Amino acid sequence: MSDDPNINGPQDRKLINVHQEHEVRSWTRALNTTPEKLREAVQAVGTSAERVREYLQGNQ
């Protein structure tokens, strides 16, 4: 099932989809980061929101 762009936040709170701009906006607000750092974190540790959060906390 594809993401619905009419939804303001992520559809799955455990995974980050950096290919959906509405999710990037939501996650950057939630994690207090930039889109570039969010994409870097996803590339480094995968799409798990928990692992991305840990990565960002360790690299600030």
PDB file of N, CA and C in Angstrom:
ATOM      1  N   MET A   1       0.843  -1.160   0.000  1.00  0.00           N
ATOM      2  CA  MET A   1       0.000   0.000   0.000  1.00  0.00           C
ATOM      3  C   MET A   1       0.898   1.235   0.000  1.00  0.00           C
ATOM      4  N   SER A   2       0.599   2.225  -0.831  1.00  0.00           N
ATOM      5  CA  SER A   2       1.423   3.428  -0.888  1.00  0.00           C
ATOM      6  C   SER A   2       0.977   4.422   0.170  1.00  0.00           C
ATOM      7  N   ASP A   3       1.899   5.335   0.507  1.00  0.00           N
ATOM      8  CA  ASP A   3       1.581   6.374   1.484  1.00  0.00           C
ATOM      9  C   ASP A   3       0.571   7.356   0.907  1.00  0.00           C
ATOM     10  N   ASP A   4      -0.300   7.836   1.733  1.00  0.00           N
ATOM     11  CA  ASP A   4      -1.290   8.829   1.342  1.00  0.00           C
ATOM     12  C   ASP A   4      -0.710  10.215   1.601  1.00  0.00           C
ATOM     13  N   PRO A   5      -0.454  11.025   0.573  1.00  0.00           N
ATOM     14  CA  PRO A   5       0.146  12.335   0.777  1.00  0.00           C
ATOM     15  C   PRO A   5      -0.752  13.317   1.517  1.00  0.00           C
ATOM     16  N   ASN A   6      -2.011  12.970   1.722  1.00  0.00           N
ATOM     17  CA  ASN A   6      -2.908  13.834   2.481  1.00  0.00           C
ATOM     18  C   ASN A   6      -2.726  13.689   3.980  1.00  0.00           C
ATOM     19  N   ILE A   7      -1.969  12.698   4.400  1.00  0.00           N
ATOM     20  CA  ILE A   7      -1.689  12.485   5.812  1.00  0.00           C
ATOM     21  C   ILE A   7      -0.482  13.336   6.187  1.00  0.00           C
ATOM     22  N   ASN A   8      -0.590  14.090   7.281  1.00  0.00           N
ATOM     23  CA  ASN A   8       0.471  15.017   7.668  1.00  0.00           C
ATOM     24  C   ASN A   8       1.664  14.353   8.318  1.00  0.00           C
ATOM     25  N   GLY A   9       1.486  13.254   8.993  1.00  0.00           N
ATOM     26  CA  GLY A   9       2.579  12.584   9.689  1.00  0.00           C
ATOM     27  C   GLY A   9       2.882  11.244   9.073  1.00  0.00           C
ATOM     28  N   PRO A  10       3.883  10.566   9.608  1.00  0.00           N
ATOM     29  CA  PRO A  10       4.220   9.245   9.074  1.00  0.00           C
ATOM     30  C   PRO A  10       3.104   8.241   9.309  1.00  0.00           C
ATOM     31  N   GLN A  11       2.914   7.325   8.352  1.00  0.00           N
ATOM     32  CA  GLN A  11       1.894   6.298   8.516  1.00  0.00           C
ATOM     33  C   GLN A  11       2.367   5.201   9.455  1.00  0.00           C
ATOM     34  N   ASP A  12       3.645   4.950   9.480  1.00  0.00           N
ATOM     35  CA  ASP A  12       4.210   3.936  10.365  1.00  0.00           C
ATOM     36  C   ASP A  12       5.214   4.638  11.259  1.00  0.00           C
ATOM     37  N   ARG A  13       4.901   4.782  12.525  1.00  0.00           N
ATOM     38  CA  ARG A  13       5.736   5.529  13.468  1.00  0.00           C
ATOM     39  C   ARG A  13       7.065   4.835  13.774  1.00  0.00           C
ATOM     40  N   LYS A  14       7.255   3.603  13.294  1.00  0.00           N
ATOM     41  CA  LYS A  14       8.491   2.883  13.573  1.00  0.00           C
ATOM     42  C   LYS A  14       9.486   2.959  12.427  1.00  0.00           C
ATOM     43  N   LEU A  15       9.027   3.410  11.248  1.00  0.00           N
ATOM     44  CA  LEU A  15       9.886   3.459  10.068  1.00  0.00           C
ATOM     45  C   LEU A  15       9.880   4.852   9.460  1.00  0.00           C
ATOM     46  N   ILE A  16      11.008   5.239   8.886  1.00  0.00           N
ATOM     47  CA  ILE A  16      11.151   6.538   8.246  1.00  0.00           C
ATOM     48  C   ILE A  16      11.301   6.329   6.747  1.00  0.00           C
ATOM     49  N   ASN A  17      10.433   6.979   5.987  1.00  0.00           N
ATOM     50  CA  ASN A  17      10.488   6.898   4.527  1.00  0.00           C
ATOM     51  C   ASN A  17      10.971   8.254   4.013  1.00  0.00           C
ATOM     52  N   VAL A  18      12.242   8.345   3.644  1.00  0.00           N
ATOM     53  CA  VAL A  18      12.794   9.622   3.180  1.00  0.00           C
ATOM     54  C   VAL A  18      12.415   9.934   1.744  1.00  0.00           C
ATOM     55  N   HIS A  19      11.632   9.073   1.112  1.00  0.00           N
ATOM     56  CA  HIS A  19      11.177   9.302  -0.258  1.00  0.00           C
ATOM     57  C   HIS A  19       9.807   9.973  -0.290  1.00  0.00           C
ATOM     58  N   GLN A  20       9.238  10.215   0.865  1.00  0.00           N
ATOM     59  CA  GLN A  20       7.955  10.903   0.984  1.00  0.00           C
ATOM     60  C   GLN A  20       8.197  12.228   1.709  1.00  0.00           C
ATOM     61  N   GLU A  21       8.015  13.341   1.002  1.00  0.00           N
ATOM     62  CA  GLU A  21       8.341  14.650   1.578  1.00  0.00           C
ATOM     63  C   GLU A  21       7.545  14.962   2.838  1.00  0.00           C
ATOM     64  N   HIS A  22       6.277  14.536   2.902  1.00  0.00           N
ATOM     65  CA  HIS A  22       5.505  14.801   4.115  1.00  0.00           C
ATOM     66  C   HIS A  22       6.094  14.054   5.313  1.00  0.00           C
ATOM     67  N   GLU A  23       6.658  12.883   5.080  1.00  0.00           N
ATOM     68  CA  GLU A  23       7.301  12.158   6.179  1.00  0.00           C
ATOM     69  C   GLU A  23       8.609  12.821   6.571  1.00  0.00           C
ATOM     70  N   VAL A  24       9.379  13.282   5.605  1.00  0.00           N
ATOM     71  CA  VAL A  24      10.627  13.984   5.911  1.00  0.00           C
ATOM     72  C   VAL A  24      10.321  15.211   6.773  1.00  0.00           C
ATOM     73  N   ARG A  25       9.319  15.985   6.403  1.00  0.00           N
ATOM     74  CA  ARG A  25       8.943  17.168   7.197  1.00  0.00           C
ATOM     75  C   ARG A  25       8.551  16.769   8.614  1.00  0.00           C
ATOM     76  N   SER A  26       7.731  15.736   8.720  1.00  0.00           N
ATOM     77  CA  SER A  26       7.269  15.305  10.033  1.00  0.00           C
ATOM     78  C   SER A  26       8.423  14.807  10.906  1.00  0.00           C
ATOM     79  N   TRP A  27       9.285  13.963  10.327  1.00  0.00           N
ATOM     80  CA  TRP A  27      10.396  13.406  11.103  1.00  0.00           C
ATOM     81  C   TRP A  27      11.437  14.464  11.468  1.00  0.00           C
ATOM     82  N   THR A  28      11.689  15.423  10.582  1.00  0.00           N
ATOM     83  CA  THR A  28      12.666  16.459  10.927  1.00  0.00           C
ATOM     84  C   THR A  28      12.154  17.296  12.097  1.00  0.00           C
ATOM     85  N   ARG A  29      10.854  17.563  12.129  1.00  0.00           N
ATOM     86  CA  ARG A  29      10.280  18.277  13.286  1.00  0.00           C
ATOM     87  C   ARG A  29      10.370  17.415  14.548  1.00  0.00           C
ATOM     88  N   ALA A  30       9.977  16.159  14.421  1.00  0.00           N
ATOM     89  CA  ALA A  30       9.946  15.269  15.585  1.00  0.00           C
ATOM     90  C   ALA A  30      11.337  15.026  16.163  1.00  0.00           C
ATOM     91  N   LEU A  31      12.341  14.959  15.297  1.00  0.00           N
ATOM     92  CA  LEU A  31      13.706  14.649  15.736  1.00  0.00           C
ATOM     93  C   LEU A  31      14.583  15.892  15.850  1.00  0.00           C
ATOM     94  N   ASN A  32      14.004  17.055  15.590  1.00  0.00           N
ATOM     95  CA  ASN A  32      14.722  18.324  15.683  1.00  0.00           C
ATOM     96  C   ASN A  32      16.027  18.278  14.883  1.00  0.00           C
ATOM     97  N   THR A  33      15.898  17.984  13.605  1.00  0.00           N
ATOM     98  CA  THR A  33      17.063  17.859  12.732  1.00  0.00           C
ATOM     99  C   THR A  33      16.739  18.439  11.362  1.00  0.00           C
ATOM    100  N   THR A  34      17.680  18.373  10.466  1.00  0.00           N
ATOM    101  CA  THR A  34      17.477  18.859   9.104  1.00  0.00           C
ATOM    102  C   THR A  34      17.173  17.680   8.178  1.00  0.00           C
ATOM    103  N   PRO A  35      16.581  17.954   7.019  1.00  0.00           N
ATOM    104  CA  PRO A  35      16.349  16.871   6.065  1.00  0.00           C
ATOM    105  C   PRO A  35      17.644  16.176   5.648  1.00  0.00           C
ATOM    106  N   GLU A  36      18.705  16.932   5.509  1.00  0.00           N
ATOM    107  CA  GLU A  36      19.988  16.349   5.106  1.00  0.00           C
ATOM    108  C   GLU A  36      20.513  15.395   6.174  1.00  0.00           C
ATOM    109  N   LYS A  37      20.452  15.807   7.438  1.00  0.00           N
ATOM    110  CA  LYS A  37      20.932  14.942   8.523  1.00  0.00           C
ATOM    111  C   LYS A  37      20.028  13.721   8.678  1.00  0.00           C
ATOM    112  N   LEU A  38      18.734  13.901   8.457  1.00  0.00           N
ATOM    113  CA  LEU A  38      17.807  12.766   8.525  1.00  0.00           C
ATOM    114  C   LEU A  38      18.156  11.735   7.456  1.00  0.00           C
ATOM    115  N   ARG A  39      18.367  12.193   6.238  1.00  0.00           N
ATOM    116  CA  ARG A  39      18.722  11.271   5.145  1.00  0.00           C
ATOM    117  C   ARG A  39      20.068  10.595   5.404  1.00  0.00           C
ATOM    118  N   GLU A  40      21.015  11.346   5.946  1.00  0.00           N
ATOM    119  CA  GLU A  40      22.330  10.767   6.298  1.00  0.00           C
ATOM    120  C   GLU A  40      22.165   9.661   7.341  1.00  0.00           C
ATOM    121  N   ALA A  41      21.332   9.908   8.338  1.00  0.00           N
ATOM    122  CA  ALA A  41      21.103   8.922   9.392  1.00  0.00           C
ATOM    123  C   ALA A  41      20.439   7.672   8.835  1.00  0.00           C
ATOM    124  N   VAL A  42      19.444   7.846   7.976  1.00  0.00           N
ATOM    125  CA  VAL A  42      18.764   6.698   7.374  1.00  0.00           C
ATOM    126  C   VAL A  42      19.735   5.889   6.524  1.00  0.00           C
ATOM    127  N   GLN A  43      20.597   6.578   5.798  1.00  0.00           N
ATOM    128  CA  GLN A  43      21.584   5.868   4.988  1.00  0.00           C
ATOM    129  C   GLN A  43      22.561   5.096   5.879  1.00  0.00           C
ATOM    130  N   ALA A  44      22.897   5.647   7.035  1.00  0.00           N
ATOM    131  CA  ALA A  44      23.866   5.018   7.926  1.00  0.00           C
ATOM    132  C   ALA A  44      23.293   3.827   8.696  1.00  0.00           C
ATOM    133  N   VAL A  45      22.039   3.954   9.181  1.00  0.00           N
ATOM    134  CA  VAL A  45      21.518   2.914  10.077  1.00  0.00           C
ATOM    135  C   VAL A  45      20.232   2.251   9.615  1.00  0.00           C
ATOM    136  N   GLY A  46      19.669   2.706   8.509  1.00  0.00           N
ATOM    137  CA  GLY A  46      18.428   2.121   8.026  1.00  0.00           C
ATOM    138  C   GLY A  46      17.219   2.950   8.398  1.00  0.00           C
ATOM    139  N   THR A  47      16.042   2.418   8.170  1.00  0.00           N
ATOM    140  CA  THR A  47      14.803   3.187   8.312  1.00  0.00           C
ATOM    141  C   THR A  47      14.138   3.100   9.685  1.00  0.00           C
ATOM    142  N   SER A  48      14.705   2.357  10.609  1.00  0.00           N
ATOM    143  CA  SER A  48      14.133   2.247  11.950  1.00  0.00           C
ATOM    144  C   SER A  48      14.196   3.602  12.655  1.00  0.00           C
ATOM    145  N   ALA A  49      13.039   4.119  13.063  1.00  0.00           N
ATOM    146  CA  ALA A  49      12.987   5.413  13.739  1.00  0.00           C
ATOM    147  C   ALA A  49      13.826   5.400  15.017  1.00  0.00           C
ATOM    148  N   GLU A  50      13.801   4.303  15.741  1.00  0.00           N
ATOM    149  CA  GLU A  50      14.575   4.200  16.983  1.00  0.00           C
ATOM    150  C   GLU A  50      16.077   4.295  16.707  1.00  0.00           C
ATOM    151  N   ARG A  51      16.539   3.573  15.701  1.00  0.00           N
ATOM    152  CA  ARG A  51      17.972   3.591  15.368  1.00  0.00           C
ATOM    153  C   ARG A  51      18.392   4.945  14.819  1.00  0.00           C
ATOM    154  N   VAL A  52      17.539   5.580  14.035  1.00  0.00           N
ATOM    155  CA  VAL A  52      17.844   6.921  13.513  1.00  0.00           C
ATOM    156  C   VAL A  52      17.935   7.911  14.665  1.00  0.00           C
ATOM    157  N   ARG A  53      16.995   7.831  15.607  1.00  0.00           N
ATOM    158  CA  ARG A  53      17.013   8.717  16.775  1.00  0.00           C
ATOM    159  C   ARG A  53      18.316   8.537  17.554  1.00  0.00           C
ATOM    160  N   GLU A  54      18.735   7.302  17.779  1.00  0.00           N
ATOM    161  CA  GLU A  54      19.983   7.037  18.504  1.00  0.00           C
ATOM    162  C   GLU A  54      21.181   7.578  17.729  1.00  0.00           C
ATOM    163  N   TYR A  55      21.196   7.385  16.436  1.00  0.00           N
ATOM    164  CA  TYR A  55      22.278   7.872  15.593  1.00  0.00           C
ATOM    165  C   TYR A  55      22.385   9.395  15.687  1.00  0.00           C
ATOM    166  N   LEU A  56      21.255  10.069  15.572  1.00  0.00           N
ATOM    167  CA  LEU A  56      21.261  11.532  15.626  1.00  0.00           C
ATOM    168  C   LEU A  56      21.698  12.047  16.988  1.00  0.00           C
ATOM    169  N   GLN A  57      21.296  11.384  18.049  1.00  0.00           N
ATOM    170  CA  GLN A  57      21.696  11.807  19.395  1.00  0.00           C
ATOM    171  C   GLN A  57      23.194  11.631  19.604  1.00  0.00           C
ATOM    172  N   GLY A  58      23.774  10.611  18.998  1.00  0.00           N
ATOM    173  CA  GLY A  58      25.196  10.357  19.149  1.00  0.00           C
ATOM    174  C   GLY A  58      26.064  11.216  18.255  1.00  0.00           C
ATOM    175  N   ASN A  59      25.471  11.878  17.247  1.00  0.00           N
ATOM    176  CA  ASN A  59      26.239  12.669  16.291  1.00  0.00           C
ATOM    177  C   ASN A  59      25.911  14.154  16.345  1.00  0.00           C
ATOM    178  N   GLN A  60      25.465  14.631  17.485  1.00  0.00           N
ATOM    179  CA  GLN A  60      25.160  16.065  17.586  1.00  0.00           C
ATOM    180  C   GLN A  60      26.198  16.802  18.356  1.00  0.00           C
TER     181      GLN A  60
END
